[in-house]
Amino acid sequence: MRVTLKGIHTAKVKLASGEPVTYYYAWRNGPRLVGEPGSAEFLASFNAAHASRREPDAATLHGVIAGYKASQDFLGLAPRTQSDYLKHFSRIEKAFGTLPLAALEDARVTMDFLQWRDDMASPKQADYHFSTLMRLLSWARGRGLTTYRPPERVEHRYHPDRAEKIWEEQQIAAFMAVASEPMQLALVLALESGQRQGDLLTLPWSAYDGQWIRLRQAKSGRRVNIPVTRRLRAILDSAKRSSPVILTDGRGSPWPEKRFRKYWAATCRKAGVTGLHFHDLRGTAVTRLAEAECSHAEIASITGHSSRSVNAILDKYLARTDKLAVAAIAKLERGKQ
C-alpha cells in the first residue's frame, strides 16, 4: 500500500558535476529527508521530523519557540509581524534550536549569539534576527524558563540614515501630476496623516467621519485620532467608496501589499522621483508639523508615537530644512529687539 505524505517540500538543484538532483524536506524550511521517496528509510525520517516538530524538547530553545508561538504575545501581533517572526524563528531554530536552556547560564553564550549575527551577510537582517532571538529569551525569562538576561545595549550593524529623505513640494507635485487617482489618494492620505503604509492599506471608511480619522496602529496597538486637513477632506469626500477600505486599486479592490508597492514604485519612476520611499512620507509629515511649530506632544498625538520617545523620533525623522533654519533665525532676531 502506498502512503501519501503531505506537506513535503522539494528542491531541484544541480551538483557541481552538472547532474540534476532533487532534495526532499519534511516541510518548507524543515529538515531534509533521507532515502528514496516511498522507501522505509524515507518514511522513518518523515515521521521523525514531524514527531520532533509536534513535541519540541521543553528544555531547549525549540521549546521556547514553540511556547512563544502559542502565546498571546505572538498571537496578538499583526499578521505581517507574525509572518516576519516566523521567518526569523526558522533561522534561529537551525542555529540554536537544540541549545539546552541550561547552557544559557554560561555568560559566554552571548558571544555565540553575537558571532552568529555578525556572520550574516545582510546587516539589516542580522539585526532583525538577533533582536527576535533576544525577544524570545526575554519572553522565556519572564516566565521563569531561564535566568538569562539579554544584553541591554548592543550596537546595531545596520545604521539607516534617512533624516534628510523627505518629500519636497516639487516632488509631491511631480508625483501628483502623473499619478492615478488611487495613487494620489494614497500620497495625500500618508502625507496628511503621518501613518504607516500597513495601517493605511487596511484603513476602513468607518474610521473617517468627515472630521476625524480614528485608527489603532497595528505595530504599537496605540489608538490615534487625527483631525482631517482641508486638502485630505476634499479628496476623501470626492473619492468613490467601492470597498470597505479607503485605499483601493483602479478596479475598486483593496490593495495587496506587493501590488501596491509595485504600482507606487512605477509611479515614482514615471514622475522622476528617485531615492524616496513611501515610508519617507511619515518623516515628511513629522517635518511639516515641526515647521508649523507644533510641540513634540502635538506631533506625537498625530503620528502615534509616545511622548516620552518623541525627542529621539524627531532626531530620526526630522530633516533640517531651510524653513526651520529661517524660523530659528527669526526667533533669534525677535529676541534681540
C-alpha atoms as a PDB file:
ATOM      1  CA  MET A   1       0.000   0.000   0.000  1.00  0.00           C
ATOM      2  CA  ARG A   2       1.391   3.393  -0.994  1.00  0.00           C
ATOM      3  CA  VAL A   3       1.272   6.094   1.732  1.00  0.00           C
ATOM      4  CA  THR A   4       0.766   9.719   0.670  1.00  0.00           C
ATOM      5  CA  LEU A   5       2.883  12.087   2.747  1.00  0.00           C
ATOM      6  CA  LYS A   6       1.538  15.620   2.943  1.00  0.00           C
ATOM      7  CA  GLY A   7       3.471  18.859   3.054  1.00  0.00           C
ATOM      8  CA  ILE A   8       6.754  17.584   1.628  1.00  0.00           C
ATOM      9  CA  HIS A   9       8.818  20.356   0.052  1.00  0.00           C
ATOM     10  CA  THR A  10      11.049  19.578  -2.946  1.00  0.00           C
ATOM     11  CA  ALA A  11      14.052  21.489  -4.258  1.00  0.00           C
ATOM     12  CA  LYS A  12      15.730  20.734  -7.573  1.00  0.00           C
ATOM     13  CA  VAL A  13      19.407  21.635  -7.778  1.00  0.00           C
ATOM     14  CA  LYS A  14      22.429  20.849  -9.907  1.00  0.00           C
ATOM     15  CA  LEU A  15      25.551  19.309  -8.461  1.00  0.00           C
ATOM     16  CA  ALA A  16      28.989  20.658  -9.306  1.00  0.00           C
ATOM     17  CA  SER A  17      29.190  17.960 -11.980  1.00  0.00           C
ATOM     18  CA  GLY A  18      26.055  19.351 -13.617  1.00  0.00           C
ATOM     19  CA  GLU A  19      23.937  16.377 -12.619  1.00  0.00           C
ATOM     20  CA  PRO A  20      20.387  17.386 -11.569  1.00  0.00           C
ATOM     21  CA  VAL A  21      19.162  16.077  -8.212  1.00  0.00           C
ATOM     22  CA  THR A  22      16.026  16.537  -6.131  1.00  0.00           C
ATOM     23  CA  TYR A  23      16.134  17.085  -2.382  1.00  0.00           C
ATOM     24  CA  TYR A  24      13.132  16.425  -0.181  1.00  0.00           C
ATOM     25  CA  TYR A  25      12.257  18.244   3.043  1.00  0.00           C
ATOM     26  CA  ALA A  26       9.634  17.420   5.651  1.00  0.00           C
ATOM     27  CA  TRP A  27       8.144  20.894   5.098  1.00  0.00           C
ATOM     28  CA  ARG A  28       9.343  24.207   3.689  1.00  0.00           C
ATOM     29  CA  ASN A  29      12.445  25.213   5.649  1.00  0.00           C
ATOM     30  CA  GLY A  30      12.151  21.898   7.506  1.00  0.00           C
ATOM     31  CA  PRO A  31      14.735  19.130   7.917  1.00  0.00           C
ATOM     32  CA  ARG A  32      15.954  17.291   4.845  1.00  0.00           C
ATOM     33  CA  LEU A  33      14.610  13.759   4.417  1.00  0.00           C
ATOM     34  CA  VAL A  34      16.860  10.789   3.752  1.00  0.00           C
ATOM     35  CA  GLY A  35      16.313   7.822   1.493  1.00  0.00           C
ATOM     36  CA  GLU A  36      14.314   7.446  -1.680  1.00  0.00           C
ATOM     37  CA  PRO A  37      10.645   8.531  -1.711  1.00  0.00           C
ATOM     38  CA  GLY A  38       8.490   5.509  -0.880  1.00  0.00           C
ATOM     39  CA  SER A  39      11.245   3.704   0.997  1.00  0.00           C
ATOM     40  CA  ALA A  40      11.038   2.723   4.662  1.00  0.00           C
ATOM     41  CA  GLU A  41      14.016   4.979   5.393  1.00  0.00           C
ATOM     42  CA  PHE A  42      12.255   7.939   3.787  1.00  0.00           C
ATOM     43  CA  LEU A  43       9.055   7.312   5.771  1.00  0.00           C
ATOM     44  CA  ALA A  44      11.006   6.949   9.013  1.00  0.00           C
ATOM     45  CA  SER A  45      12.827  10.259   8.508  1.00  0.00           C
ATOM     46  CA  PHE A  46       9.499  11.951   7.678  1.00  0.00           C
ATOM     47  CA  ASN A  47       7.854  10.626  10.846  1.00  0.00           C
ATOM     48  CA  ALA A  48      10.859  11.552  12.982  1.00  0.00           C
ATOM     49  CA  ALA A  49      10.863  15.111  11.638  1.00  0.00           C
ATOM     50  CA  HIS A  50       7.178  15.612  12.409  1.00  0.00           C
ATOM     51  CA  ALA A  51       7.464  13.979  15.819  1.00  0.00           C
ATOM     52  CA  SER A  52      10.130  16.466  16.821  1.00  0.00           C
ATOM     53  CA  ARG A  53       8.024  19.272  15.380  1.00  0.00           C
ATOM     54  CA  ARG A  54       4.948  18.265  17.385  1.00  0.00           C
ATOM     55  CA  GLU A  55       6.778  17.667  20.626  1.00  0.00           C
ATOM     56  CA  PRO A  56       9.740  20.032  20.920  1.00  0.00           C
ATOM     57  CA  ASP A  57      12.009  19.468  23.885  1.00  0.00           C
ATOM     58  CA  ALA A  58      10.847  21.950  26.512  1.00  0.00           C
ATOM     59  CA  ALA A  59      14.383  22.127  27.878  1.00  0.00           C
ATOM     60  CA  THR A  60      15.767  23.541  24.615  1.00  0.00           C
ATOM     61  CA  LEU A  61      15.276  26.682  22.573  1.00  0.00           C
ATOM     62  CA  HIS A  62      12.916  24.655  20.359  1.00  0.00           C
ATOM     63  CA  GLY A  63      10.582  24.508  23.347  1.00  0.00           C
ATOM     64  CA  VAL A  64      10.828  28.261  23.947  1.00  0.00           C
ATOM     65  CA  ILE A  65       9.967  28.992  20.323  1.00  0.00           C
ATOM     66  CA  ALA A  66       7.003  26.613  20.415  1.00  0.00           C
ATOM     67  CA  GLY A  67       5.756  28.188  23.637  1.00  0.00           C
ATOM     68  CA  TYR A  68       6.086  31.702  22.299  1.00  0.00           C
ATOM     69  CA  LYS A  69       4.234  30.863  19.065  1.00  0.00           C
ATOM     70  CA  ALA A  70       1.332  29.525  21.150  1.00  0.00           C
ATOM     71  CA  SER A  71       1.280  32.550  23.459  1.00  0.00           C
ATOM     72  CA  GLN A  72      -0.941  35.612  23.271  1.00  0.00           C
ATOM     73  CA  ASP A  73       2.208  37.719  22.946  1.00  0.00           C
ATOM     74  CA  PHE A  74       2.681  36.215  19.489  1.00  0.00           C
ATOM     75  CA  LEU A  75      -0.947  35.619  18.517  1.00  0.00           C
ATOM     76  CA  GLY A  76      -1.774  39.254  19.311  1.00  0.00           C
ATOM     77  CA  LEU A  77       0.744  40.564  16.763  1.00  0.00           C
ATOM     78  CA  ALA A  78      -0.302  41.838  13.359  1.00  0.00           C
ATOM     79  CA  PRO A  79      -0.354  39.134  10.632  1.00  0.00           C
ATOM     80  CA  ARG A  80       2.557  40.777   8.804  1.00  0.00           C
ATOM     81  CA  THR A  81       4.624  40.858  12.004  1.00  0.00           C
ATOM     82  CA  GLN A  82       3.799  37.216  12.729  1.00  0.00           C
ATOM     83  CA  SER A  83       4.931  36.278   9.232  1.00  0.00           C
ATOM     84  CA  ASP A  84       8.227  38.126   9.693  1.00  0.00           C
ATOM     85  CA  TYR A  85       8.807  36.495  13.073  1.00  0.00           C
ATOM     86  CA  LEU A  86       8.215  33.010  11.671  1.00  0.00           C
ATOM     87  CA  LYS A  87      10.958  33.594   9.098  1.00  0.00           C
ATOM     88  CA  HIS A  88      13.323  34.673  11.871  1.00  0.00           C
ATOM     89  CA  PHE A  89      12.335  31.675  14.025  1.00  0.00           C
ATOM     90  CA  SER A  90      13.249  29.311  11.198  1.00  0.00           C
ATOM     91  CA  ARG A  91      16.804  30.629  11.050  1.00  0.00           C
ATOM     92  CA  ILE A  92      17.116  30.738  14.837  1.00  0.00           C
ATOM     93  CA  GLU A  93      15.969  27.113  15.103  1.00  0.00           C
ATOM     94  CA  LYS A  94      18.551  25.998  12.571  1.00  0.00           C
ATOM     95  CA  ALA A  95      21.316  27.655  14.566  1.00  0.00           C
ATOM     96  CA  PHE A  96      20.203  27.186  18.188  1.00  0.00           C
ATOM     97  CA  GLY A  97      17.068  25.025  18.253  1.00  0.00           C
ATOM     98  CA  THR A  98      18.762  22.200  20.156  1.00  0.00           C
ATOM     99  CA  LEU A  99      20.554  24.539  22.549  1.00  0.00           C
ATOM    100  CA  PRO A 100      19.742  23.416  26.132  1.00  0.00           C
ATOM    101  CA  LEU A 101      18.295  26.184  28.268  1.00  0.00           C
ATOM    102  CA  ALA A 102      20.860  25.218  30.887  1.00  0.00           C
ATOM    103  CA  ALA A 103      23.572  26.475  28.522  1.00  0.00           C
ATOM    104  CA  LEU A 104      22.169  29.981  28.905  1.00  0.00           C
ATOM    105  CA  GLU A 105      23.615  30.056  32.421  1.00  0.00           C
ATOM    106  CA  ASP A 106      27.063  30.434  30.848  1.00  0.00           C
ATOM    107  CA  ALA A 107      27.619  34.161  30.264  1.00  0.00           C
ATOM    108  CA  ARG A 108      29.767  33.374  27.231  1.00  0.00           C
ATOM    109  CA  VAL A 109      26.687  32.253  25.288  1.00  0.00           C
ATOM    110  CA  THR A 110      26.012  35.905  24.401  1.00  0.00           C
ATOM    111  CA  MET A 111      29.252  35.930  22.420  1.00  0.00           C
ATOM    112  CA  ASP A 112      27.980  32.932  20.448  1.00  0.00           C
ATOM    113  CA  PHE A 113      24.749  34.781  19.672  1.00  0.00           C
ATOM    114  CA  LEU A 114      26.651  37.875  18.539  1.00  0.00           C
ATOM    115  CA  GLN A 115      29.033  35.840  16.400  1.00  0.00           C
ATOM    116  CA  TRP A 116      26.035  34.197  14.730  1.00  0.00           C
ATOM    117  CA  ARG A 117      24.636  37.645  13.992  1.00  0.00           C
ATOM    118  CA  ASP A 118      27.938  39.014  12.719  1.00  0.00           C
ATOM    119  CA  ASP A 119      28.382  36.105  10.314  1.00  0.00           C
ATOM    120  CA  MET A 120      25.226  37.054   8.396  1.00  0.00           C
ATOM    121  CA  ALA A 121      25.738  38.797   5.074  1.00  0.00           C
ATOM    122  CA  SER A 122      22.954  41.378   5.472  1.00  0.00           C
ATOM    123  CA  PRO A 123      23.456  43.786   8.426  1.00  0.00           C
ATOM    124  CA  LYS A 124      19.766  44.673   8.421  1.00  0.00           C
ATOM    125  CA  GLN A 125      18.581  41.065   8.515  1.00  0.00           C
ATOM    126  CA  ALA A 126      21.271  40.263  11.076  1.00  0.00           C
ATOM    127  CA  ASP A 127      19.863  42.880  13.441  1.00  0.00           C
ATOM    128  CA  TYR A 128      16.296  41.644  12.882  1.00  0.00           C
ATOM    129  CA  HIS A 129      17.238  38.025  13.632  1.00  0.00           C
ATOM    130  CA  PHE A 130      19.266  38.946  16.704  1.00  0.00           C
ATOM    131  CA  SER A 131      16.531  41.178  18.150  1.00  0.00           C
ATOM    132  CA  THR A 132      13.974  38.397  17.586  1.00  0.00           C
ATOM    133  CA  LEU A 133      16.228  35.928  19.407  1.00  0.00           C
ATOM    134  CA  MET A 134      16.594  38.355  22.312  1.00  0.00           C
ATOM    135  CA  ARG A 135      12.828  38.847  22.416  1.00  0.00           C
ATOM    136  CA  LEU A 136      12.345  35.087  22.663  1.00  0.00           C
ATOM    137  CA  LEU A 137      14.833  34.854  25.519  1.00  0.00           C
ATOM    138  CA  SER A 138      13.282  37.835  27.289  1.00  0.00           C
ATOM    139  CA  TRP A 139       9.876  36.134  26.997  1.00  0.00           C
ATOM    140  CA  ALA A 140      11.362  32.926  28.420  1.00  0.00           C
ATOM    141  CA  ARG A 141      12.959  34.818  31.315  1.00  0.00           C
ATOM    142  CA  GLY A 142       9.646  36.470  32.145  1.00  0.00           C
ATOM    143  CA  ARG A 143       8.081  33.029  32.527  1.00  0.00           C
ATOM    144  CA  GLY A 144      10.824  31.618  34.678  1.00  0.00           C
ATOM    145  CA  LEU A 145      12.196  29.292  31.988  1.00  0.00           C
ATOM    146  CA  THR A 146      15.674  30.794  32.234  1.00  0.00           C
ATOM    147  CA  THR A 147      17.569  33.419  34.200  1.00  0.00           C
ATOM    148  CA  TYR A 148      19.395  34.603  31.086  1.00  0.00           C
ATOM    149  CA  ARG A 149      19.207  38.372  30.757  1.00  0.00           C
ATOM    150  CA  PRO A 150      19.563  39.737  27.205  1.00  0.00           C
ATOM    151  CA  PRO A 151      22.239  42.455  26.956  1.00  0.00           C
ATOM    152  CA  GLU A 152      20.784  45.933  27.394  1.00  0.00           C
ATOM    153  CA  ARG A 153      22.836  47.722  24.765  1.00  0.00           C
ATOM    154  CA  VAL A 154      24.190  46.092  21.642  1.00  0.00           C
ATOM    155  CA  GLU A 155      25.488  48.189  18.757  1.00  0.00           C
ATOM    156  CA  HIS A 156      23.456  47.535  15.635  1.00  0.00           C
ATOM    157  CA  ARG A 157      25.201  46.507  12.462  1.00  0.00           C
ATOM    158  CA  TYR A 158      22.707  48.345  10.285  1.00  0.00           C
ATOM    159  CA  HIS A 159      22.644  52.131  10.577  1.00  0.00           C
ATOM    160  CA  PRO A 160      19.990  53.638   8.326  1.00  0.00           C
ATOM    161  CA  ASP A 161      20.068  57.391   7.949  1.00  0.00           C
ATOM    162  CA  ARG A 162      17.083  58.816   6.142  1.00  0.00           C
ATOM    163  CA  ALA A 163      16.957  62.018   8.184  1.00  0.00           C
ATOM    164  CA  GLU A 164      17.110  64.122   5.031  1.00  0.00           C
ATOM    165  CA  LYS A 165      14.888  61.887   2.921  1.00  0.00           C
ATOM    166  CA  ILE A 166      11.741  63.971   2.809  1.00  0.00           C
ATOM    167  CA  TRP A 167       9.308  64.698   0.013  1.00  0.00           C
ATOM    168  CA  GLU A 168       9.790  68.277  -1.150  1.00  0.00           C
ATOM    169  CA  GLU A 169       6.900  70.212  -2.671  1.00  0.00           C
ATOM    170  CA  GLN A 170       8.260  69.827  -6.214  1.00  0.00           C
ATOM    171  CA  GLN A 171       8.490  66.054  -5.813  1.00  0.00           C
ATOM    172  CA  ILE A 172       4.965  65.868  -4.447  1.00  0.00           C
ATOM    173  CA  ALA A 173       3.727  67.965  -7.381  1.00  0.00           C
ATOM    174  CA  ALA A 174       5.580  65.779  -9.907  1.00  0.00           C
ATOM    175  CA  PHE A 175       4.078  62.631  -8.416  1.00  0.00           C
ATOM    176  CA  MET A 176       0.548  64.052  -8.337  1.00  0.00           C
ATOM    177  CA  ALA A 177       0.859  65.208 -11.968  1.00  0.00           C
ATOM    178  CA  VAL A 178       1.330  61.661 -13.315  1.00  0.00           C
ATOM    179  CA  ALA A 179      -0.324  59.508 -10.643  1.00  0.00           C
ATOM    180  CA  SER A 180      -3.651  57.741 -10.994  1.00  0.00           C
ATOM    181  CA  GLU A 181      -6.435  58.715  -8.605  1.00  0.00           C
ATOM    182  CA  PRO A 182      -5.739  55.724  -6.309  1.00  0.00           C
ATOM    183  CA  MET A 183      -2.055  56.705  -6.089  1.00  0.00           C
ATOM    184  CA  GLN A 184      -2.909  60.377  -5.495  1.00  0.00           C
ATOM    185  CA  LEU A 185      -5.225  59.432  -2.637  1.00  0.00           C
ATOM    186  CA  ALA A 186      -2.523  57.213  -1.109  1.00  0.00           C
ATOM    187  CA  LEU A 187       0.050  60.008  -1.164  1.00  0.00           C
ATOM    188  CA  VAL A 188      -2.233  62.663   0.324  1.00  0.00           C
ATOM    189  CA  LEU A 189      -3.538  60.281   2.990  1.00  0.00           C
ATOM    190  CA  ALA A 190       0.021  59.360   4.053  1.00  0.00           C
ATOM    191  CA  LEU A 191       1.287  62.926   3.926  1.00  0.00           C
ATOM    192  CA  GLU A 192      -1.592  64.413   5.902  1.00  0.00           C
ATOM    193  CA  SER A 193      -1.908  61.634   8.497  1.00  0.00           C
ATOM    194  CA  GLY A 194       1.707  60.560   9.066  1.00  0.00           C
ATOM    195  CA  GLN A 195       0.700  56.879   9.326  1.00  0.00           C
ATOM    196  CA  ARG A 196       2.472  53.708   8.187  1.00  0.00           C
ATOM    197  CA  GLN A 197       1.712  52.040   4.876  1.00  0.00           C
ATOM    198  CA  GLY A 198       0.365  48.885   6.526  1.00  0.00           C
ATOM    199  CA  ASP A 199      -2.179  50.831   8.584  1.00  0.00           C
ATOM    200  CA  LEU A 200      -3.286  52.920   5.611  1.00  0.00           C
ATOM    201  CA  LEU A 201      -3.818  49.952   3.273  1.00  0.00           C
ATOM    202  CA  THR A 202      -6.290  48.461   5.758  1.00  0.00           C
ATOM    203  CA  LEU A 203      -7.897  51.732   6.896  1.00  0.00           C
ATOM    204  CA  PRO A 204     -11.688  51.373   6.591  1.00  0.00           C
ATOM    205  CA  TRP A 205     -14.113  54.103   5.596  1.00  0.00           C
ATOM    206  CA  SER A 206     -15.721  53.667   9.001  1.00  0.00           C
ATOM    207  CA  ALA A 207     -12.560  55.236  10.508  1.00  0.00           C
ATOM    208  CA  TYR A 208     -13.425  58.551   8.784  1.00  0.00           C
ATOM    209  CA  ASP A 209     -16.401  60.607   9.952  1.00  0.00           C
ATOM    210  CA  GLY A 210     -15.844  63.727   7.858  1.00  0.00           C
ATOM    211  CA  GLN A 211     -13.792  65.465  10.553  1.00  0.00           C
ATOM    212  CA  TRP A 212     -11.528  62.817  12.088  1.00  0.00           C
ATOM    213  CA  ILE A 213      -9.653  59.661  11.170  1.00  0.00           C
ATOM    214  CA  ARG A 214      -9.553  57.252  14.105  1.00  0.00           C
ATOM    215  CA  LEU A 215      -7.453  54.098  13.980  1.00  0.00           C
ATOM    216  CA  ARG A 216      -5.476  51.624  16.046  1.00  0.00           C
ATOM    217  CA  GLN A 217      -1.911  51.244  14.821  1.00  0.00           C
ATOM    218  CA  ALA A 218      -1.047  47.613  14.078  1.00  0.00           C
ATOM    219  CA  LYS A 219       2.585  47.892  15.122  1.00  0.00           C
ATOM    220  CA  SER A 220       2.111  49.547  18.510  1.00  0.00           C
ATOM    221  CA  GLY A 221      -1.555  48.864  19.214  1.00  0.00           C
ATOM    222  CA  ARG A 222      -1.913  52.569  20.030  1.00  0.00           C
ATOM    223  CA  ARG A 223      -5.128  54.411  19.183  1.00  0.00           C
ATOM    224  CA  VAL A 224      -4.675  57.604  17.160  1.00  0.00           C
ATOM    225  CA  ASN A 225      -7.258  60.321  16.482  1.00  0.00           C
ATOM    226  CA  ILE A 226      -6.263  62.605  13.602  1.00  0.00           C
ATOM    227  CA  PRO A 227      -8.153  65.779  12.679  1.00  0.00           C
ATOM    228  CA  VAL A 228      -8.515  65.800   8.886  1.00  0.00           C
ATOM    229  CA  THR A 229      -6.964  68.675   6.922  1.00  0.00           C
ATOM    230  CA  ARG A 230      -8.954  70.569   4.314  1.00  0.00           C
ATOM    231  CA  ARG A 231      -6.966  69.010   1.466  1.00  0.00           C
ATOM    232  CA  LEU A 232      -7.432  65.474   2.737  1.00  0.00           C
ATOM    233  CA  ARG A 233     -11.124  66.043   3.448  1.00  0.00           C
ATOM    234  CA  ALA A 234     -11.668  67.267  -0.108  1.00  0.00           C
ATOM    235  CA  ILE A 235     -10.038  64.224  -1.705  1.00  0.00           C
ATOM    236  CA  LEU A 236     -11.745  61.774   0.669  1.00  0.00           C
ATOM    237  CA  ASP A 237     -15.187  63.273   0.144  1.00  0.00           C
ATOM    238  CA  SER A 238     -14.793  63.065  -3.633  1.00  0.00           C
ATOM    239  CA  ALA A 239     -13.400  59.511  -3.651  1.00  0.00           C
ATOM    240  CA  LYS A 240     -15.512  56.559  -4.751  1.00  0.00           C
ATOM    241  CA  ARG A 241     -16.487  54.188  -1.944  1.00  0.00           C
ATOM    242  CA  SER A 242     -16.258  50.898  -3.812  1.00  0.00           C
ATOM    243  CA  SER A 243     -14.823  48.904  -0.904  1.00  0.00           C
ATOM    244  CA  PRO A 244     -14.948  48.870   2.904  1.00  0.00           C
ATOM    245  CA  VAL A 245     -11.346  50.175   2.890  1.00  0.00           C
ATOM    246  CA  ILE A 246     -10.339  53.630   1.692  1.00  0.00           C
ATOM    247  CA  LEU A 247      -7.327  52.786  -0.475  1.00  0.00           C
ATOM    248  CA  THR A 248      -8.238  50.631  -3.473  1.00  0.00           C
ATOM    249  CA  ASP A 249      -6.798  49.896  -6.901  1.00  0.00           C
ATOM    250  CA  GLY A 250      -8.282  51.005 -10.202  1.00  0.00           C
ATOM    251  CA  ARG A 251     -10.851  48.210 -10.025  1.00  0.00           C
ATOM    252  CA  GLY A 252     -12.075  49.218  -6.583  1.00  0.00           C
ATOM    253  CA  SER A 253     -10.438  46.297  -4.767  1.00  0.00           C
ATOM    254  CA  PRO A 254      -8.210  46.539  -1.668  1.00  0.00           C
ATOM    255  CA  TRP A 255      -4.511  46.667  -2.471  1.00  0.00           C
ATOM    256  CA  PRO A 256      -2.359  43.584  -1.819  1.00  0.00           C
ATOM    257  CA  GLU A 257       0.847  44.975  -0.292  1.00  0.00           C
ATOM    258  CA  LYS A 258       3.184  43.719  -3.018  1.00  0.00           C
ATOM    259  CA  ARG A 259       0.970  45.043  -5.799  1.00  0.00           C
ATOM    260  CA  PHE A 260       0.672  48.420  -4.107  1.00  0.00           C
ATOM    261  CA  ARG A 261       4.449  48.699  -3.776  1.00  0.00           C
ATOM    262  CA  LYS A 262       4.867  47.781  -7.439  1.00  0.00           C
ATOM    263  CA  TYR A 263       2.451  50.477  -8.616  1.00  0.00           C
ATOM    264  CA  TRP A 264       3.924  53.028  -6.200  1.00  0.00           C
ATOM    265  CA  ALA A 265       7.436  52.410  -7.499  1.00  0.00           C
ATOM    266  CA  ALA A 266       6.235  52.624 -11.114  1.00  0.00           C
ATOM    267  CA  THR A 267       4.547  55.967 -10.427  1.00  0.00           C
ATOM    268  CA  CYS A 268       7.703  57.320  -8.779  1.00  0.00           C
ATOM    269  CA  ARG A 269       9.753  56.341 -11.840  1.00  0.00           C
ATOM    270  CA  LYS A 270       7.225  57.986 -14.139  1.00  0.00           C
ATOM    271  CA  ALA A 271       7.356  61.169 -12.045  1.00  0.00           C
ATOM    272  CA  GLY A 272      11.159  61.168 -11.905  1.00  0.00           C
ATOM    273  CA  VAL A 273      11.118  60.831  -8.107  1.00  0.00           C
ATOM    274  CA  THR A 274      14.200  58.886  -7.008  1.00  0.00           C
ATOM    275  CA  GLY A 275      15.704  57.980  -3.646  1.00  0.00           C
ATOM    276  CA  LEU A 276      12.413  58.317  -1.760  1.00  0.00           C
ATOM    277  CA  HIS A 277      10.233  55.622  -0.214  1.00  0.00           C
ATOM    278  CA  PHE A 278       6.571  55.603   0.793  1.00  0.00           C
ATOM    279  CA  HIS A 279       7.685  55.468   4.440  1.00  0.00           C
ATOM    280  CA  ASP A 280       9.513  58.781   3.933  1.00  0.00           C
ATOM    281  CA  LEU A 281       6.081  60.431   3.792  1.00  0.00           C
ATOM    282  CA  ARG A 282       5.811  59.661   7.514  1.00  0.00           C
ATOM    283  CA  GLY A 283       9.028  61.553   8.166  1.00  0.00           C
ATOM    284  CA  THR A 284       7.831  64.328   5.861  1.00  0.00           C
ATOM    285  CA  ALA A 285       4.616  64.641   7.874  1.00  0.00           C
ATOM    286  CA  VAL A 286       6.676  64.987  11.071  1.00  0.00           C
ATOM    287  CA  THR A 287       8.844  67.639   9.417  1.00  0.00           C
ATOM    288  CA  ARG A 288       5.834  69.622   8.222  1.00  0.00           C
ATOM    289  CA  LEU A 289       4.314  69.597  11.708  1.00  0.00           C
ATOM    290  CA  ALA A 290       7.613  70.763  13.193  1.00  0.00           C
ATOM    291  CA  GLU A 291       7.830  73.548  10.607  1.00  0.00           C
ATOM    292  CA  ALA A 292       4.355  74.624  11.711  1.00  0.00           C
ATOM    293  CA  GLU A 293       5.870  74.980  15.231  1.00  0.00           C
ATOM    294  CA  CYS A 294       3.878  72.098  16.683  1.00  0.00           C
ATOM    295  CA  SER A 295       5.128  70.873  20.047  1.00  0.00           C
ATOM    296  CA  HIS A 296       6.584  67.428  20.461  1.00  0.00           C
ATOM    297  CA  ALA A 297       3.437  66.282  22.231  1.00  0.00           C
ATOM    298  CA  GLU A 298       1.268  67.627  19.397  1.00  0.00           C
ATOM    299  CA  ILE A 299       3.360  65.816  16.796  1.00  0.00           C
ATOM    300  CA  ALA A 300       3.213  62.599  18.802  1.00  0.00           C
ATOM    301  CA  SER A 301      -0.578  62.839  19.038  1.00  0.00           C
ATOM    302  CA  ILE A 302      -0.778  62.769  15.224  1.00  0.00           C
ATOM    303  CA  THR A 303       1.894  60.184  14.403  1.00  0.00           C
ATOM    304  CA  GLY A 304       1.083  57.906  17.330  1.00  0.00           C
ATOM    305  CA  HIS A 305       4.498  57.893  18.957  1.00  0.00           C
ATOM    306  CA  SER A 306       4.799  58.050  22.736  1.00  0.00           C
ATOM    307  CA  SER A 307       5.553  61.475  24.186  1.00  0.00           C
ATOM    308  CA  ARG A 308       8.497  60.029  26.113  1.00  0.00           C
ATOM    309  CA  SER A 309      10.294  58.953  22.960  1.00  0.00           C
ATOM    310  CA  VAL A 310       9.288  61.827  20.698  1.00  0.00           C
ATOM    311  CA  ASN A 311      12.669  63.598  21.015  1.00  0.00           C
ATOM    312  CA  ALA A 312      14.519  60.549  19.685  1.00  0.00           C
ATOM    313  CA  ILE A 313      11.890  60.031  16.995  1.00  0.00           C
ATOM    314  CA  LEU A 314      12.266  63.588  15.765  1.00  0.00           C
ATOM    315  CA  ASP A 315      16.023  63.158  15.588  1.00  0.00           C
ATOM    316  CA  LYS A 316      15.416  60.234  13.272  1.00  0.00           C
ATOM    317  CA  TYR A 317      12.649  61.646  11.094  1.00  0.00           C
ATOM    318  CA  LEU A 318      13.077  65.388  11.210  1.00  0.00           C
ATOM    319  CA  ALA A 319      15.135  66.744   8.329  1.00  0.00           C
ATOM    320  CA  ARG A 320      16.906  70.055   8.848  1.00  0.00           C
ATOM    321  CA  THR A 321      15.153  72.223   6.272  1.00  0.00           C
ATOM    322  CA  ASP A 322      15.535  75.816   5.206  1.00  0.00           C
ATOM    323  CA  LYS A 323      12.147  76.641   6.742  1.00  0.00           C
ATOM    324  CA  LEU A 324      13.312  75.501  10.164  1.00  0.00           C
ATOM    325  CA  ALA A 325      16.543  77.452   9.834  1.00  0.00           C
ATOM    326  CA  VAL A 326      14.686  80.596   8.775  1.00  0.00           C
ATOM    327  CA  ALA A 327      12.230  80.201  11.664  1.00  0.00           C
ATOM    328  CA  ALA A 328      15.095  79.793  14.132  1.00  0.00           C
ATOM    329  CA  ILE A 329      16.854  82.966  12.936  1.00  0.00           C
ATOM    330  CA  ALA A 330      13.544  84.876  13.003  1.00  0.00           C
ATOM    331  CA  LYS A 331      13.068  83.911  16.643  1.00  0.00           C
ATOM    332  CA  LEU A 332      16.641  84.972  17.372  1.00  0.00           C
ATOM    333  CA  GLU A 333      16.098  88.346  15.716  1.00  0.00           C
ATOM    334  CA  ARG A 334      12.873  88.902  17.628  1.00  0.00           C
ATOM    335  CA  GLY A 335      14.696  88.156  20.847  1.00  0.00           C
ATOM    336  CA  LYS A 336      17.239  90.885  20.138  1.00  0.00           C
ATOM    337  CA  GLN A 337      14.629  93.601  19.759  1.00  0.00           C
END
